[in-house]
Amino acid sequence: AQTVSVDSPLKDAVCLMEASKIRRVPVVDATGKLTGMVSLADLALSGKDEATMEVVKEVSAPTR
């Protein structure tokens, strides 16, 4: 499964979402227990940088 750690920077989730073309990434603790989710909406609302907005655009694009 594709996950990010609680300690991971947001950029890790952004890169995973972009590379895998997924809209949500589970966030797990050191034992692998689910602690939350990061979604495209979370990234869009944070809107902290241009790269984040590019991921939202890229992942949301229709596939051919």
C-alpha atoms as a PDB file:
ATOM      1  CA  ALA A   1       0.000   0.000   0.000  1.00  0.00           C
ATOM      2  CA  GLN A   2       1.146   3.532  -0.674  1.00  0.00           C
ATOM      3  CA  THR A   3       1.325   5.546   2.519  1.00  0.00           C
ATOM      4  CA  VAL A   4       3.233   8.391   4.108  1.00  0.00           C
ATOM      5  CA  SER A   5       4.501   8.576   7.658  1.00  0.00           C
ATOM      6  CA  VAL A   6       3.175  11.016  10.255  1.00  0.00           C
ATOM      7  CA  ASP A   7       6.698  12.481  10.311  1.00  0.00           C
ATOM      8  CA  SER A   8       6.938  12.876   6.524  1.00  0.00           C
ATOM      9  CA  PRO A   9       6.960  16.348   5.016  1.00  0.00           C
ATOM     10  CA  LEU A  10       3.882  17.318   3.007  1.00  0.00           C
ATOM     11  CA  LYS A  11       6.068  17.236  -0.096  1.00  0.00           C
ATOM     12  CA  ASP A  12       6.328  13.429   0.222  1.00  0.00           C
ATOM     13  CA  ALA A  13       2.541  13.101   0.028  1.00  0.00           C
ATOM     14  CA  VAL A  14       2.453  15.532  -2.904  1.00  0.00           C
ATOM     15  CA  CYS A  15       5.094  13.558  -4.822  1.00  0.00           C
ATOM     16  CA  LEU A  16       3.356  10.235  -4.135  1.00  0.00           C
ATOM     17  CA  MET A  17      -0.012  11.580  -5.265  1.00  0.00           C
ATOM     18  CA  GLU A  18       1.471  13.007  -8.436  1.00  0.00           C
ATOM     19  CA  ALA A  19       3.513   9.928  -9.339  1.00  0.00           C
ATOM     20  CA  SER A  20       0.668   7.508  -8.612  1.00  0.00           C
ATOM     21  CA  LYS A  21      -2.159   9.734  -9.894  1.00  0.00           C
ATOM     22  CA  ILE A  22      -4.092   9.228  -6.654  1.00  0.00           C
ATOM     23  CA  ARG A  23      -6.346  11.657  -4.789  1.00  0.00           C
ATOM     24  CA  ARG A  24      -5.783  10.465  -1.207  1.00  0.00           C
ATOM     25  CA  VAL A  25      -2.823   9.125   0.732  1.00  0.00           C
ATOM     26  CA  PRO A  26      -3.140   7.275   4.052  1.00  0.00           C
ATOM     27  CA  VAL A  27      -0.959   8.621   6.870  1.00  0.00           C
ATOM     28  CA  VAL A  28       0.491   5.978   9.199  1.00  0.00           C
ATOM     29  CA  ASP A  29       2.458   6.020  12.444  1.00  0.00           C
ATOM     30  CA  ALA A  30       5.729   4.187  13.128  1.00  0.00           C
ATOM     31  CA  THR A  31       3.872   0.903  13.678  1.00  0.00           C
ATOM     32  CA  GLY A  32       1.970   1.219  10.390  1.00  0.00           C
ATOM     33  CA  LYS A  33      -1.324   2.112  12.098  1.00  0.00           C
ATOM     34  CA  LEU A  34      -3.563   4.461  10.122  1.00  0.00           C
ATOM     35  CA  THR A  35      -3.715   7.890  11.764  1.00  0.00           C
ATOM     36  CA  GLY A  36      -5.291   9.966   9.007  1.00  0.00           C
ATOM     37  CA  MET A  37      -5.545  10.835   5.336  1.00  0.00           C
ATOM     38  CA  VAL A  38      -4.176  13.597   3.137  1.00  0.00           C
ATOM     39  CA  SER A  39      -6.422  14.468   0.211  1.00  0.00           C
ATOM     40  CA  LEU A  40      -6.278  16.721  -2.823  1.00  0.00           C
ATOM     41  CA  ALA A  41      -8.736  18.998  -1.043  1.00  0.00           C
ATOM     42  CA  ASP A  42      -6.276  19.332   1.853  1.00  0.00           C
ATOM     43  CA  LEU A  43      -3.547  20.321  -0.585  1.00  0.00           C
ATOM     44  CA  ALA A  44      -5.801  22.754  -2.415  1.00  0.00           C
ATOM     45  CA  LEU A  45      -6.857  24.396   0.837  1.00  0.00           C
ATOM     46  CA  SER A  46      -3.271  24.733   2.034  1.00  0.00           C
ATOM     47  CA  GLY A  47      -2.337  26.251  -1.343  1.00  0.00           C
ATOM     48  CA  LYS A  48       1.126  27.007  -0.030  1.00  0.00           C
ATOM     49  CA  ASP A  49       3.062  26.655  -3.226  1.00  0.00           C
ATOM     50  CA  GLU A  50       2.791  26.403  -6.939  1.00  0.00           C
ATOM     51  CA  ALA A  51       3.935  22.740  -6.966  1.00  0.00           C
ATOM     52  CA  THR A  52       0.999  21.743  -4.762  1.00  0.00           C
ATOM     53  CA  MET A  53      -1.448  23.385  -7.113  1.00  0.00           C
ATOM     54  CA  GLU A  54       0.210  21.643 -10.069  1.00  0.00           C
ATOM     55  CA  VAL A  55      -0.343  18.249  -8.395  1.00  0.00           C
ATOM     56  CA  VAL A  56      -4.012  19.033  -7.852  1.00  0.00           C
ATOM     57  CA  LYS A  57      -4.294  19.924 -11.536  1.00  0.00           C
ATOM     58  CA  GLU A  58      -2.295  16.881 -12.690  1.00  0.00           C
ATOM     59  CA  VAL A  59      -4.094  14.281 -10.583  1.00  0.00           C
ATOM     60  CA  SER A  60      -7.484  15.760 -11.432  1.00  0.00           C
ATOM     61  CA  ALA A  61      -6.877  15.641 -15.187  1.00  0.00           C
ATOM     62  CA  PRO A  62      -8.918  12.985 -17.020  1.00  0.00           C
ATOM     63  CA  THR A  63      -6.991   9.920 -18.118  1.00  0.00           C
ATOM     64  CA  ARG A  64      -6.992   8.829 -21.713  1.00  0.00           C
END
